Amino acid sequence: MQIKSIEQELIEGTEMILTRVTLNQVNSSCILSRLIIDTLGKPGIDNDLQLLGSGSQWEVVWTEPKLTIEQTREIISKAISFAGTA
């Protein structure tokens, strides 16, 4: 798995920031899901993340937790580094 891009945008009319991480070379959406949940917590409890995609390209989208782009890059990179050992 590789990070293709990380983007953040302000949601109009709110103070919420939407974070979108695009990953490519995803071999298993199940492993991706487990790594992201282990990293960001359980959807609906710890955050509002969504996993969107198919095949080898996936997006992870959330507004909580609030992280900078660099923090996001660091934790997602750390999470996907475990994919090679899974």
Protein backbone atom coordinates (compact mmCIF):
# COMPACT_ATOMS: atom_id res chain seq x y z
CA MET A 1 0.00 0.00 0.00
CA GLN A 2 1.11 3.52 -0.74
CA ILE A 3 -0.22 6.95 0.08
CA LYS A 4 -1.15 8.60 -3.20
CA SER A 5 -2.39 11.88 -1.70
CA ILE A 6 -3.57 13.59 1.46
CA GLU A 7 -5.97 16.50 1.21
CA GLN A 8 -7.85 18.63 3.71
CA GLU A 9 -10.71 21.00 3.04
CA LEU A 10 -12.89 23.20 5.19
CA ILE A 11 -16.54 22.15 5.10
CA GLU A 12 -18.44 25.25 4.06
CA GLY A 13 -20.48 26.89 6.81
CA THR A 14 -18.71 24.95 9.57
CA GLU A 15 -15.39 24.85 11.39
CA MET A 16 -14.97 21.19 10.44
CA ILE A 17 -12.08 20.01 8.29
CA LEU A 18 -12.53 17.00 6.03
CA THR A 19 -9.40 14.85 5.66
CA ARG A 20 -9.13 12.61 2.60
CA VAL A 21 -6.31 10.08 2.19
CA THR A 22 -6.07 8.28 -1.15
CA LEU A 23 -4.18 4.99 -1.10
CA ASN A 24 -3.14 2.91 -4.08
CA GLN A 25 -1.65 -0.55 -4.49
CA VAL A 26 -4.14 -1.88 -1.92
CA ASN A 27 -4.07 -5.67 -2.14
CA SER A 28 -6.67 -6.31 0.57
CA SER A 29 -9.49 -3.99 1.61
CA CYS A 30 -9.91 -6.17 4.73
CA ILE A 31 -6.33 -5.53 5.84
CA LEU A 32 -6.69 -1.83 4.98
CA SER A 33 -9.88 -1.62 7.08
CA ARG A 34 -8.25 -3.32 10.06
CA LEU A 35 -5.14 -1.10 9.89
CA ILE A 36 -7.20 2.10 9.67
CA ILE A 37 -9.55 1.08 12.50
CA ASP A 38 -6.56 0.11 14.67
CA THR A 39 -5.03 3.53 13.93
CA LEU A 40 -8.03 5.89 14.07
CA GLY A 41 -10.47 3.91 16.23
CA LYS A 42 -13.92 2.49 15.64
CA PRO A 43 -16.22 4.31 13.20
CA GLY A 44 -19.25 5.80 14.93
CA ILE A 45 -17.55 5.60 18.34
CA ASP A 46 -14.11 7.19 18.06
CA ASN A 47 -14.49 8.93 14.69
CA ASP A 48 -16.65 9.39 11.61
CA LEU A 49 -14.36 7.71 9.09
CA GLN A 50 -15.50 6.17 5.84
CA LEU A 51 -13.60 3.83 3.54
CA LEU A 52 -14.49 4.25 -0.13
CA GLY A 53 -13.06 2.45 -3.11
CA SER A 54 -12.57 -0.75 -4.99
CA GLY A 55 -9.76 -2.75 -6.47
CA SER A 56 -6.36 -1.32 -5.65
CA GLN A 57 -7.37 2.32 -4.97
CA TRP A 58 -9.16 3.38 -1.78
CA GLU A 59 -9.97 6.62 0.02
CA VAL A 60 -10.20 7.07 3.76
CA VAL A 61 -12.29 10.13 4.68
CA TRP A 62 -12.96 11.64 8.13
CA THR A 63 -13.46 14.86 10.12
CA GLU A 64 -12.57 13.43 13.54
CA PRO A 65 -9.93 13.09 14.84
CA LYS A 66 -8.56 16.47 13.80
CA LEU A 67 -5.00 15.99 12.58
CA THR A 68 -2.60 18.08 10.53
CA ILE A 69 -1.52 16.77 7.13
CA GLU A 70 1.88 15.85 8.59
CA GLN A 71 0.29 13.99 11.55
CA THR A 72 -2.00 12.20 9.11
CA ARG A 73 0.91 11.21 6.86
CA GLU A 74 2.85 9.92 9.87
CA ILE A 75 0.09 7.73 11.36
CA ILE A 76 -1.14 6.37 8.02
CA SER A 77 2.44 5.60 6.94
CA LYS A 78 3.02 3.81 10.23
CA ALA A 79 -0.23 1.85 9.85
CA ILE A 80 0.45 0.70 6.30
CA SER A 81 4.01 -0.24 7.17
CA PHE A 82 2.45 -3.06 9.20
CA ALA A 83 0.66 -4.35 6.08
CA GLY A 84 3.85 -6.00 4.94
CA THR A 85 4.02 -7.93 8.21
CA ALA A 86 0.32 -8.85 8.30
